Amino acid sequence: MAQLNLGVGDVDGNTTRIIEAAEKARSRHKADFVMFPELAVCGYPPEDLLFHAGMRLQVARSLDRLKREVRGITLIVGYPEYVGSVIYNSAAVIRDGELIANQRKAFLPNYRVFDEKRYFTPGDEPTVVDIDGIKVGVLVCEDVWEKEPASRARAAGAQLLAVINASPYEVNKQTQREINVVRERVREVRLPVAFVNLIGGQDELVFDGNSFVMDASGAVTTRAPAFEEGLFPIHFQLDLDNLPGGIRTVTGKVEAMQSEEESVYSALVQGTRDYVDKHRFPGAVMGLSGGIDSALTLCIAVDALGKKRVHSVSMPSRYTSQMSKDDAALQAKLLGVKHSEISIEDMFESVLKALKDEFSGYKPDTAEENIQARCRGLLLMGISNKTGKMLLTTGNKSEMAVGFATLYGDMAGGFAPIKDCSKMLVYRLARWRNAQGAAIPERVIDRPPSAELRHDQKDTDSLPPYEVMDPILEAFIEEDLSVDQICARGFDRAVVGRVLDMVKRNEYKRRQAPPGVRVSGRAFGRDWRYPITSGYKTR
């Protein structure tokens, strides 16, 4: 199983990596066949790149290279198959210069982050190929989530199912794959399954690997580590007399599943690293306020990129406490990053002076608070432009949901690592990261959260407590529950209505937010498509 981090659109680079991995599988592991992820040739998801004539030509050249340059081992590799005016999401089976079989994906996902029906035409015929005496049925990703493709392959004589995947990460996704999906197929067809998955970050999506093998009884006999590239050998033996299908799965190394906190944190690191590196940025710059969100973001950035590539900037105003300045400086020292402190006081005062006449007759409110955030955004963007480093934003999902963020201020930047993490999850991740080694000053975690944009400000001045608000947001955003259904869980109707009204009013902000790593069942971005202008009543 070739669990690789491949690049969308990098057809030549992906093809070279496929060829190198195939040669290593043949020479080092003496493998008979090697499996690569879904759409490995072009990367996943290729989106509208599929419509470009140049993509079609590059894919054709890639297949020619694979046929020409790989010898002595069978490849099962995902690619977009162009036939006239239609495109199939296919798996090519190549051996010694010949395309010996081809499987077209039958079930095209068109929900949440997937929109494959926009691009692909479904196939319907099973593909079973003889590889060194074993009849292998080939499936592509979603086809193992449905009953018919595996049953058709079994009826066509398959003794083993080889499934190539680009299955994105979300919390508890590996459990869903193994128990709710693959084990169901094994129970139905009584065949072993080899499941190879992509790893790596691609815009908002991150792929976790966790490739695995399940024997005909439903036991996991091999599991590759999460978020780690590699070739993972698996061994099948013919045993026609004693087993259904006649294939014995030899037990390999079964990596333990990560805890929820570890897997989410690993996904954030992987997604941030790949976004910065695949865009060829030399590093990252970010604001470090002394609060919990920026503290966690700094940990992610350092773990993703290394301390020498990360620059933190503290930008105090008249409302910034000495504790915040001290804690920001301490964390930067703990993690060994370059740290700057630039006061925004003169900038803030200059803007207030320029707007003095326009603001005459109005009491101070969020306008003055937002000016501070925009002063900070201006400084950070200036550093980003001058150094070439990617500007990371530090907002969390709870804030993005209810609009507790400033357009062109703390929302300004290129990537938002914790965009899909609720505030309560941020705290859990911060504690988990500190358990791995001192990284965040403890009082950053313990103190009440505050934007520090006015005297003695607390988040609870404007919002319900996060331990109340976050479950309401999760019920609405990820479960699509109504007000009545949420209230039935014990929440006050007025609070629920207030929270959901804030979600509705702030869609215009979310549309302008940078991308960030998707870790939940539904994130703001690819799988959140609410209208900005809407008369829908949430109460």
Protein backbone atom coordinates (compact mmCIF):
# COMPACT_ATOMS: atom_id res chain seq x y z
CA MET A 1 0.00 0.00 0.00
CA ALA A 2 1.62 3.25 -1.17
CA GLN A 3 0.36 5.87 1.26
CA LEU A 4 1.62 9.04 -0.39
CA ASN A 5 1.23 12.81 -0.16
CA LEU A 6 0.54 13.86 -3.75
CA GLY A 7 -0.11 17.29 -5.25
CA VAL A 8 -3.25 18.40 -7.05
CA GLY A 9 -2.41 19.31 -10.63
CA ASP A 10 1.22 18.16 -10.36
CA VAL A 11 0.80 15.34 -12.84
CA ASP A 12 4.48 15.05 -13.78
CA GLY A 13 5.64 15.19 -10.16
CA ASN A 14 3.02 12.68 -9.02
CA THR A 15 3.93 10.31 -11.84
CA THR A 16 7.60 10.44 -10.90
CA ARG A 17 6.74 9.63 -7.28
CA ILE A 18 4.49 6.75 -8.38
CA ILE A 19 7.29 5.30 -10.50
CA GLU A 20 9.83 5.65 -7.67
CA ALA A 21 7.48 4.03 -5.16
CA ALA A 22 6.70 1.18 -7.55
CA GLU A 23 10.39 0.49 -8.04
CA LYS A 24 11.00 0.48 -4.30
CA ALA A 25 8.02 -1.84 -3.75
CA ARG A 26 9.43 -4.21 -6.36
CA SER A 27 13.10 -4.14 -5.38
CA ARG A 28 12.97 -3.69 -1.60
CA HIS A 29 9.72 -5.43 -0.70
CA LYS A 30 9.58 -7.97 -3.57
CA ALA A 31 5.92 -7.03 -4.05
CA ASP A 32 3.70 -8.51 -6.74
CA PHE A 33 1.49 -5.43 -6.88
CA VAL A 34 1.37 -1.95 -5.40
CA MET A 35 -1.74 0.15 -4.76
CA PHE A 36 -1.84 3.94 -5.04
CA PRO A 37 -4.61 6.33 -3.87
CA GLU A 38 -7.63 7.50 -5.81
CA LEU A 39 -6.77 9.95 -8.62
CA ALA A 40 -3.11 9.65 -7.64
CA VAL A 41 -1.98 10.80 -11.08
CA CYS A 42 -3.64 14.24 -10.86
CA GLY A 43 -4.15 14.56 -7.09
CA TYR A 44 -7.44 14.82 -5.21
CA PRO A 45 -9.68 16.73 -5.54
CA PRO A 46 -8.68 18.17 -8.96
CA GLU A 47 -11.93 20.15 -9.29
CA ASP A 48 -12.24 22.24 -12.46
CA LEU A 49 -8.67 21.45 -13.51
CA LEU A 50 -10.29 18.37 -14.98
CA PHE A 51 -11.94 20.55 -17.64
CA HIS A 52 -8.63 21.93 -18.96
CA ALA A 53 -7.40 20.44 -22.21
CA GLY A 54 -3.88 20.56 -20.81
CA MET A 55 -4.84 18.24 -17.95
CA ARG A 56 -6.12 15.69 -20.44
CA LEU A 57 -2.81 15.76 -22.32
CA GLN A 58 -0.73 15.51 -19.15
CA VAL A 59 -2.71 12.52 -17.89
CA ALA A 60 -2.22 10.75 -21.21
CA ARG A 61 1.53 11.35 -20.98
CA SER A 62 1.51 10.07 -17.40
CA LEU A 63 -0.09 6.78 -18.40
CA ASP A 64 2.46 6.38 -21.20
CA ARG A 65 5.28 6.90 -18.67
CA LEU A 66 3.82 4.39 -16.24
CA LYS A 67 3.55 1.78 -18.99
CA ARG A 68 7.02 2.53 -20.27
CA GLU A 69 9.02 2.91 -17.07
CA VAL A 70 7.53 0.43 -14.59
CA ARG A 71 8.45 -3.20 -15.03
CA GLY A 72 8.18 -6.36 -12.95
CA ILE A 73 5.31 -5.23 -10.73
CA THR A 74 1.59 -4.60 -11.20
CA LEU A 75 0.28 -1.09 -10.51
CA ILE A 76 -3.21 -0.21 -9.33
CA VAL A 77 -3.32 3.54 -9.68
CA GLY A 78 -6.10 6.14 -9.71
CA TYR A 79 -6.45 8.55 -12.62
CA PRO A 80 -9.06 10.60 -14.52
CA GLU A 81 -10.02 8.59 -17.60
CA TYR A 82 -11.03 10.75 -20.57
CA VAL A 83 -13.28 9.09 -23.13
CA GLY A 84 -14.65 11.47 -25.71
CA SER A 85 -16.61 14.14 -23.85
CA VAL A 86 -16.92 12.25 -20.57
CA ILE A 87 -14.55 11.65 -17.67
CA TYR A 88 -14.43 8.63 -15.38
CA ASN A 89 -12.84 8.39 -11.96
CA SER A 90 -10.87 5.26 -12.69
CA ALA A 91 -8.29 2.81 -11.41
CA ALA A 92 -5.80 1.58 -14.00
CA VAL A 93 -4.18 -1.82 -13.57
CA ILE A 94 -0.85 -1.74 -15.42
CA ARG A 95 1.70 -4.51 -15.88
CA ASP A 96 4.87 -4.46 -17.99
CA GLY A 97 3.72 -1.84 -20.46
CA GLU A 98 0.10 -2.96 -20.75
CA LEU A 99 -3.18 -1.66 -19.32
CA ILE A 100 -4.51 -5.06 -18.30
CA ALA A 101 -7.66 -3.82 -16.56
CA ASN A 102 -9.53 -0.63 -15.76
CA GLN A 103 -12.14 0.01 -13.07
CA ARG A 104 -14.51 2.98 -13.29
CA LYS A 105 -15.96 4.32 -10.06
CA ALA A 106 -19.65 3.48 -9.87
CA PHE A 107 -20.90 5.60 -6.96
CA LEU A 108 -20.00 9.28 -7.21
CA PRO A 109 -20.29 11.13 -3.87
CA ASN A 110 -22.15 14.41 -4.08
CA TYR A 111 -22.53 15.52 -0.48
CA ARG A 112 -20.60 17.56 2.08
CA VAL A 113 -17.17 18.26 0.55
CA PHE A 114 -17.76 16.08 -2.50
CA ASP A 115 -19.21 17.12 -5.85
CA GLU A 116 -17.98 14.35 -8.15
CA LYS A 117 -21.18 14.34 -10.24
CA ARG A 118 -20.06 17.71 -11.57
CA TYR A 119 -17.07 16.04 -13.20
CA PHE A 120 -17.43 12.30 -13.61
CA THR A 121 -19.66 9.75 -15.30
CA PRO A 122 -20.31 6.60 -13.24
CA GLY A 123 -19.14 3.17 -14.31
CA ASP A 124 -21.04 -0.03 -13.62
CA GLU A 125 -19.00 -3.11 -14.54
CA PRO A 126 -16.87 -4.97 -11.97
CA THR A 127 -13.15 -5.40 -12.57
CA VAL A 128 -11.40 -8.55 -11.40
CA VAL A 129 -7.79 -9.16 -12.41
CA ASP A 130 -5.49 -12.12 -11.82
CA ILE A 131 -2.32 -11.01 -10.00
CA ASP A 132 0.13 -13.83 -9.38
CA GLY A 133 -2.65 -16.39 -9.05
CA ILE A 134 -4.98 -14.31 -6.86
CA LYS A 135 -8.13 -12.79 -8.33
CA VAL A 136 -8.26 -9.18 -7.18
CA GLY A 137 -11.43 -7.10 -7.37
CA VAL A 138 -10.67 -3.39 -7.74
CA LEU A 139 -12.88 -0.73 -6.14
CA VAL A 140 -12.57 3.07 -6.01
CA CYS A 141 -13.28 4.81 -2.67
CA GLU A 142 -17.05 5.43 -2.40
CA ASP A 143 -17.74 2.05 -4.00
CA VAL A 144 -16.74 0.30 -0.77
CA TRP A 145 -19.30 2.43 1.13
CA GLU A 146 -22.06 0.84 -0.96
CA LYS A 147 -23.13 -2.80 -1.17
CA GLU A 148 -23.36 -3.46 -4.91
CA PRO A 149 -19.76 -2.99 -6.17
CA ALA A 150 -18.24 -5.44 -3.68
CA SER A 151 -21.00 -7.96 -4.34
CA ARG A 152 -20.48 -7.66 -8.10
CA ALA A 153 -16.75 -8.17 -7.71
CA ARG A 154 -17.38 -11.25 -5.53
CA ALA A 155 -19.79 -12.66 -8.12
CA ALA A 156 -17.16 -12.07 -10.81
CA GLY A 157 -14.72 -14.29 -8.95
CA ALA A 158 -12.79 -11.87 -6.70
CA GLN A 159 -10.88 -13.42 -3.82
CA LEU A 160 -9.53 -10.13 -2.50
CA LEU A 161 -10.81 -6.54 -2.71
CA ALA A 162 -8.27 -3.78 -3.39
CA VAL A 163 -9.78 -0.36 -2.63
CA ILE A 164 -8.01 2.87 -3.60
CA ASN A 165 -9.14 5.96 -1.69
CA ALA A 166 -8.90 9.70 -1.20
CA SER A 167 -10.93 9.78 2.01
CA PRO A 168 -10.66 13.13 3.86
CA TYR A 169 -10.05 13.34 7.56
CA GLU A 170 -12.65 14.32 10.08
CA VAL A 171 -13.02 13.42 13.75
CA ASN A 172 -13.58 9.66 14.21
CA LYS A 173 -13.42 9.02 10.45
CA GLN A 174 -11.15 5.98 10.77
CA THR A 175 -13.65 4.26 13.03
CA GLN A 176 -16.34 4.92 10.43
CA ARG A 177 -14.17 3.43 7.68
CA GLU A 178 -13.27 0.29 9.53
CA ILE A 179 -16.41 -0.55 11.48
CA ASN A 180 -19.29 1.05 9.64
CA VAL A 181 -18.09 0.53 6.09
CA VAL A 182 -15.39 -1.96 5.35
CA ARG A 183 -16.45 -4.46 8.00
CA GLU A 184 -19.96 -4.31 6.55
CA ARG A 185 -18.60 -5.24 3.14
CA VAL A 186 -16.50 -8.04 4.61
CA ARG A 187 -19.54 -9.40 6.44
CA GLU A 188 -21.51 -9.41 3.20
CA VAL A 189 -18.94 -10.84 0.78
CA ARG A 190 -16.58 -12.67 3.18
CA LEU A 191 -13.47 -11.44 1.40
CA PRO A 192 -10.39 -9.65 2.74
CA VAL A 193 -10.00 -5.96 1.91
CA ALA A 194 -6.87 -3.88 1.34
CA PHE A 195 -7.70 -0.18 1.74
CA VAL A 196 -5.05 2.39 0.74
CA ASN A 197 -5.66 6.07 1.50
CA LEU A 198 -4.09 9.37 0.50
CA ILE A 199 -2.36 11.62 3.03
CA GLY A 200 -1.62 15.34 2.96
CA GLY A 201 -3.31 18.74 2.99
CA GLN A 202 -5.16 20.17 0.01
CA ASP A 203 -6.66 23.61 0.64
CA GLU A 204 -9.31 22.97 3.32
CA LEU A 205 -9.13 19.20 3.17
CA VAL A 206 -6.57 17.01 4.87
CA PHE A 207 -6.09 13.29 4.25
CA ASP A 208 -4.89 11.12 7.10
CA GLY A 209 -3.73 7.88 5.49
CA ASN A 210 -4.55 5.18 8.05
CA SER A 211 -4.46 2.61 5.22
CA PHE A 212 -5.40 -0.82 6.49
CA VAL A 213 -6.11 -4.46 5.72
CA MET A 214 -9.09 -6.41 7.04
CA ASP A 215 -9.26 -10.18 6.77
CA ALA A 216 -12.32 -12.18 5.77
CA SER A 217 -13.48 -12.38 9.39
CA GLY A 218 -13.49 -8.59 9.81
CA ALA A 219 -10.30 -8.33 11.87
CA VAL A 220 -7.82 -5.54 11.10
CA THR A 221 -4.50 -7.26 10.39
CA THR A 222 -2.51 -4.24 9.21
CA ARG A 223 -2.96 -0.53 9.86
CA ALA A 224 -0.52 2.08 8.59
CA PRO A 225 0.23 5.09 10.82
CA ALA A 226 -1.83 8.24 10.44
CA PHE A 227 -0.30 11.24 8.67
CA GLU A 228 2.84 9.38 7.64
CA GLU A 229 4.01 8.62 4.12
CA GLY A 230 5.36 5.21 3.31
CA LEU A 231 5.13 1.87 1.60
CA PHE A 232 3.37 -0.65 3.81
CA PRO A 233 3.82 -4.31 2.86
CA ILE A 234 0.93 -6.74 3.19
CA HIS A 235 0.98 -10.48 2.57
CA PHE A 236 -1.79 -12.71 1.24
CA GLN A 237 -1.59 -16.47 0.77
CA LEU A 238 -3.77 -18.85 -1.20
CA ASP A 239 -5.61 -21.27 1.10
CA LEU A 240 -8.38 -22.65 -1.06
CA ASP A 241 -9.28 -25.52 1.27
CA ASN A 242 -9.86 -23.66 4.51
CA LEU A 243 -11.09 -20.12 3.86
CA PRO A 244 -13.98 -18.38 2.09
CA GLY A 245 -12.53 -16.92 -1.06
CA GLY A 246 -9.36 -18.92 -0.53
CA ILE A 247 -7.15 -16.09 0.73
CA ARG A 248 -5.33 -16.00 4.06
CA THR A 249 -4.29 -12.57 5.34
CA VAL A 250 -0.96 -12.67 7.13
CA THR A 251 -0.95 -10.42 10.18
CA GLY A 252 1.21 -7.31 9.84
CA LYS A 253 1.81 -4.29 12.06
CA VAL A 254 -1.37 -2.72 13.39
CA GLU A 255 -0.72 0.87 14.43
CA ALA A 256 -2.94 2.10 17.26
CA MET A 257 -5.59 4.67 16.41
CA GLN A 258 -4.79 8.15 17.63
CA SER A 259 -6.87 9.77 20.36
CA GLU A 260 -9.31 12.44 19.23
CA GLU A 261 -7.06 15.28 20.39
CA GLU A 262 -3.94 13.77 18.83
CA SER A 263 -5.63 13.10 15.51
CA VAL A 264 -7.16 16.58 15.28
CA TYR A 265 -3.87 18.21 16.20
CA SER A 266 -2.01 16.06 13.66
CA ALA A 267 -4.52 17.06 10.99
CA LEU A 268 -4.02 20.75 11.78
CA VAL A 269 -0.25 20.37 11.57
CA GLN A 270 -0.44 18.40 8.31
CA GLY A 271 -2.86 20.85 6.71
CA THR A 272 -0.83 23.90 7.74
CA ARG A 273 2.48 22.41 6.63
CA ASP A 274 1.19 21.42 3.22
CA TYR A 275 -0.61 24.71 2.60
CA VAL A 276 2.55 26.69 3.31
CA ASP A 277 4.96 24.29 1.61
CA LYS A 278 2.89 23.47 -1.48
CA HIS A 279 2.55 27.22 -2.07
CA ARG A 280 6.32 27.51 -1.59
CA PHE A 281 6.16 30.12 1.16
CA PRO A 282 9.42 30.42 3.12
CA GLY A 283 7.57 30.35 6.42
CA ALA A 284 4.73 31.90 8.40
CA VAL A 285 4.06 35.06 10.37
CA MET A 286 1.23 35.52 12.86
CA GLY A 287 -0.03 37.73 15.62
CA LEU A 288 0.55 36.43 19.15
CA SER A 289 -1.79 38.12 21.60
CA GLY A 290 -1.19 36.17 24.78
CA GLY A 291 -4.59 34.49 24.35
CA ILE A 292 -5.43 30.82 23.87
CA ASP A 293 -6.25 30.87 20.14
CA SER A 294 -3.01 32.45 18.97
CA ALA A 295 -1.09 30.32 21.47
CA LEU A 296 -2.42 27.10 19.94
CA THR A 297 -1.89 28.43 16.42
CA LEU A 298 1.75 29.18 17.19
CA CYS A 299 2.25 25.60 18.42
CA ILE A 300 0.72 24.25 15.23
CA ALA A 301 2.88 26.51 13.07
CA VAL A 302 6.09 25.51 14.84
CA ASP A 303 5.25 21.79 14.75
CA ALA A 304 4.36 22.11 11.07
CA LEU A 305 7.22 24.27 9.83
CA GLY A 306 9.96 24.31 12.47
CA LYS A 307 10.80 27.19 14.78
CA LYS A 308 13.19 28.90 12.34
CA ARG A 309 10.40 29.45 9.79
CA VAL A 310 7.89 31.05 12.18
CA HIS A 311 7.70 34.70 13.26
CA SER A 312 5.32 35.80 16.02
CA VAL A 313 4.33 39.42 16.53
CA SER A 314 2.80 40.98 19.63
CA MET A 315 0.94 44.25 18.90
CA PRO A 316 -0.22 45.78 22.17
CA SER A 317 -2.57 48.71 22.51
CA ARG A 318 -3.65 50.78 25.53
CA TYR A 319 -5.98 47.93 26.49
CA THR A 320 -3.42 45.13 26.36
CA SER A 321 -2.51 43.81 29.79
CA GLN A 322 1.07 43.29 30.87
CA MET A 323 0.14 39.66 31.47
CA SER A 324 -0.71 39.24 27.80
CA LYS A 325 2.57 40.81 26.67
CA ASP A 326 4.55 38.69 29.10
CA ASP A 327 2.80 35.47 28.17
CA ALA A 328 3.26 36.07 24.44
CA ALA A 329 6.97 36.71 24.93
CA LEU A 330 7.29 33.64 27.17
CA GLN A 331 5.62 31.33 24.69
CA ALA A 332 7.77 32.62 21.84
CA LYS A 333 10.82 31.89 23.99
CA LEU A 334 9.55 28.41 24.93
CA LEU A 335 9.12 27.54 21.25
CA GLY A 336 12.24 29.33 20.08
CA VAL A 337 10.65 31.51 17.41
CA LYS A 338 11.55 34.99 16.28
CA HIS A 339 9.33 37.38 18.21
CA SER A 340 8.62 41.08 17.71
CA GLU A 341 6.63 43.55 19.78
CA ILE A 342 5.17 46.48 17.84
CA SER A 343 2.81 48.88 19.59
CA ILE A 344 -0.27 49.93 17.63
CA GLU A 345 -0.97 52.85 19.95
CA ASP A 346 0.30 55.58 17.61
CA MET A 347 -1.52 54.07 14.63
CA PHE A 348 -4.73 53.72 16.64
CA GLU A 349 -4.53 57.30 17.87
CA SER A 350 -3.86 58.60 14.33
CA VAL A 351 -6.92 56.82 12.96
CA LEU A 352 -9.12 58.08 15.79
CA LYS A 353 -7.86 61.60 15.09
CA ALA A 354 -8.58 61.27 11.37
CA LEU A 355 -12.11 60.05 12.13
CA LYS A 356 -12.79 62.51 14.92
CA ASP A 357 -15.31 64.58 12.99
CA GLU A 358 -17.02 61.53 11.48
CA PHE A 359 -17.39 59.92 14.91
CA SER A 360 -18.60 63.11 16.59
CA GLY A 361 -21.85 62.53 18.47
CA TYR A 362 -21.39 58.75 18.71
CA LYS A 363 -20.42 56.80 21.80
CA PRO A 364 -17.37 54.50 21.58
CA ASP A 365 -18.38 51.01 20.45
CA THR A 366 -17.18 48.19 18.22
CA ALA A 367 -16.02 50.68 15.58
CA GLU A 368 -13.10 51.70 17.79
CA GLU A 369 -12.46 48.06 18.71
CA ASN A 370 -12.32 47.04 15.06
CA ILE A 371 -9.87 49.83 14.23
CA GLN A 372 -7.40 48.21 16.62
CA ALA A 373 -7.79 44.84 14.92
CA ARG A 374 -7.31 46.47 11.51
CA CYS A 375 -4.16 48.24 12.66
CA ARG A 376 -2.78 44.84 13.60
CA GLY A 377 -3.85 43.36 10.29
CA LEU A 378 -2.07 46.15 8.44
CA LEU A 379 1.19 45.50 10.30
CA LEU A 380 1.03 41.74 9.81
CA MET A 381 0.24 42.03 6.11
CA GLY A 382 3.15 44.44 5.74
CA ILE A 383 5.52 41.91 7.32
CA SER A 384 4.04 39.14 5.18
CA ASN A 385 4.50 41.13 1.97
CA LYS A 386 8.05 42.16 2.83
CA THR A 387 9.30 38.75 3.97
CA GLY A 388 7.16 36.57 1.72
CA LYS A 389 5.91 34.59 4.72
CA MET A 390 2.32 33.33 4.83
CA LEU A 391 0.15 35.20 7.31
CA LEU A 392 -1.72 32.77 9.55
CA THR A 393 -4.94 33.92 11.20
CA THR A 394 -5.90 32.69 14.65
CA GLY A 395 -9.72 32.71 14.79
CA ASN A 396 -11.66 29.63 15.89
CA LYS A 397 -14.94 28.14 14.67
CA SER A 398 -17.04 29.53 17.50
CA GLU A 399 -15.92 33.07 16.69
CA MET A 400 -16.39 32.58 12.94
CA ALA A 401 -19.88 31.21 13.52
CA VAL A 402 -21.18 34.23 15.40
CA GLY A 403 -19.09 36.92 13.72
CA PHE A 404 -16.86 37.62 16.73
CA ALA A 405 -14.06 38.63 14.37
CA THR A 406 -13.04 41.71 12.37
CA LEU A 407 -13.04 41.82 8.60
CA TYR A 408 -9.67 43.12 7.34
CA GLY A 409 -8.39 42.84 10.90
CA ASP A 410 -7.86 39.53 12.69
CA MET A 411 -9.51 37.81 9.69
CA ALA A 412 -6.83 39.14 7.33
CA GLY A 413 -4.42 36.43 6.21
CA GLY A 414 -3.76 33.51 3.93
CA PHE A 415 -4.62 30.47 6.05
CA ALA A 416 -6.60 29.80 9.23
CA PRO A 417 -5.32 26.66 10.98
CA ILE A 418 -7.97 26.47 13.74
CA LYS A 419 -10.89 27.79 11.70
CA ASP A 420 -12.84 24.55 12.21
CA CYS A 421 -12.03 24.12 15.91
CA SER A 422 -14.63 25.20 18.45
CA LYS A 423 -13.41 27.22 21.43
CA MET A 424 -13.83 24.26 23.76
CA LEU A 425 -11.84 22.07 21.36
CA VAL A 426 -9.11 24.74 21.32
CA TYR A 427 -8.77 24.36 25.07
CA ARG A 428 -8.62 20.56 24.80
CA LEU A 429 -5.96 20.75 22.10
CA ALA A 430 -3.91 23.26 24.08
CA ARG A 431 -3.89 20.98 27.12
CA TRP A 432 -3.01 17.98 24.95
CA ARG A 433 -0.13 19.86 23.31
CA ASN A 434 1.23 20.98 26.67
CA ALA A 435 1.18 17.37 27.83
CA GLN A 436 3.63 16.59 25.01
CA GLY A 437 6.03 19.29 26.22
CA ALA A 438 5.81 22.80 27.65
CA ALA A 439 4.60 25.10 24.89
CA ILE A 440 1.84 27.34 26.24
CA PRO A 441 2.03 29.22 29.57
CA GLU A 442 -0.55 27.69 31.89
CA ARG A 443 -2.25 30.97 32.74
CA VAL A 444 -3.01 31.47 29.02
CA ILE A 445 -5.17 28.37 29.29
CA ASP A 446 -6.61 29.22 32.71
CA ARG A 447 -7.50 32.91 32.30
CA PRO A 448 -10.96 34.00 31.00
CA PRO A 449 -10.82 34.71 27.25
CA SER A 450 -10.75 38.35 26.17
CA ALA A 451 -10.15 40.25 22.94
CA GLU A 452 -8.68 43.11 25.02
CA LEU A 453 -10.14 45.80 22.79
CA ARG A 454 -11.55 47.81 25.69
CA HIS A 455 -10.99 48.00 29.44
CA ASP A 456 -11.77 44.82 31.41
CA GLN A 457 -13.33 43.18 28.36
CA LYS A 458 -14.38 39.51 28.49
CA ASP A 459 -15.78 37.39 25.66
CA THR A 460 -18.82 36.71 27.86
CA ASP A 461 -19.69 40.42 27.66
CA SER A 462 -20.82 39.79 24.08
CA LEU A 463 -21.40 36.03 23.92
CA PRO A 464 -22.93 33.24 25.98
CA PRO A 465 -20.33 31.11 27.78
CA TYR A 466 -18.54 28.87 25.29
CA GLU A 467 -19.56 25.73 27.15
CA VAL A 468 -23.17 26.73 26.38
CA MET A 469 -22.66 28.24 22.93
CA ASP A 470 -20.48 25.53 21.39
CA PRO A 471 -23.00 22.68 21.74
CA ILE A 472 -25.70 24.93 20.27
CA LEU A 473 -23.47 25.76 17.31
CA GLU A 474 -22.56 22.11 16.77
CA ALA A 475 -26.22 21.09 16.80
CA PHE A 476 -27.10 23.73 14.21
CA ILE A 477 -24.03 23.62 11.96
CA GLU A 478 -23.11 19.95 11.99
CA GLU A 479 -26.46 18.32 12.74
CA ASP A 480 -28.86 20.78 11.03
CA LEU A 481 -31.19 20.73 14.05
CA SER A 482 -34.06 23.18 14.45
CA VAL A 483 -34.52 25.55 17.36
CA ASP A 484 -37.08 23.21 18.91
CA GLN A 485 -34.75 20.24 18.64
CA ILE A 486 -31.86 22.16 20.18
CA CYS A 487 -34.04 23.45 23.02
CA ALA A 488 -35.15 19.87 23.68
CA ARG A 489 -31.55 19.19 24.70
CA GLY A 490 -32.01 21.56 27.62
CA PHE A 491 -30.91 24.93 26.19
CA ASP A 492 -32.77 28.17 26.85
CA ARG A 493 -34.83 29.21 23.83
CA ALA A 494 -33.78 32.86 24.03
CA VAL A 495 -30.10 31.89 24.07
CA VAL A 496 -30.55 29.48 21.17
CA GLY A 497 -32.38 32.09 19.13
CA ARG A 498 -29.74 34.70 19.85
CA VAL A 499 -26.88 32.40 18.84
CA LEU A 500 -28.53 31.25 15.62
CA ASP A 501 -29.40 34.81 14.65
CA MET A 502 -25.72 35.70 14.97
CA VAL A 503 -24.79 32.75 12.74
CA LYS A 504 -27.25 33.90 10.09
CA ARG A 505 -26.17 37.57 10.18
CA ASN A 506 -22.48 36.84 9.74
CA GLU A 507 -22.40 34.68 6.63
CA TYR A 508 -20.99 37.66 4.70
CA LYS A 509 -17.92 37.61 6.93
CA ARG A 510 -17.34 33.88 6.54
CA ARG A 511 -17.41 34.19 2.76
CA GLN A 512 -14.39 36.50 3.03
CA ALA A 513 -12.42 34.40 5.49
CA PRO A 514 -9.25 32.55 4.48
CA PRO A 515 -9.37 28.77 4.08
CA GLY A 516 -8.55 26.56 7.03
CA VAL A 517 -8.22 22.90 7.92
CA ARG A 518 -11.46 20.94 8.00
CA VAL A 519 -11.60 18.57 10.99
CA SER A 520 -15.32 18.37 11.86
CA GLY A 521 -18.25 16.75 10.12
CA ARG A 522 -19.14 20.14 8.64
CA ALA A 523 -16.84 23.09 8.31
CA PHE A 524 -17.36 26.62 7.07
CA GLY A 525 -16.10 26.39 3.51
CA ARG A 526 -16.60 23.59 1.00
CA ASP A 527 -19.51 21.93 2.81
CA TRP A 528 -21.27 25.04 4.15
CA ARG A 529 -23.35 26.71 1.45
CA TYR A 530 -25.75 29.06 3.16
CA PRO A 531 -27.04 32.19 1.38
CA ILE A 532 -25.72 35.55 2.51
CA THR A 533 -29.08 37.21 1.87
CA SER A 534 -31.89 35.21 3.41
CA GLY A 535 -35.28 35.73 5.02
CA TYR A 536 -35.11 32.38 6.80
CA LYS A 537 -36.25 32.63 10.42
CA THR A 538 -34.03 30.67 12.80
CA ARG A 539 -36.23 31.28 15.86
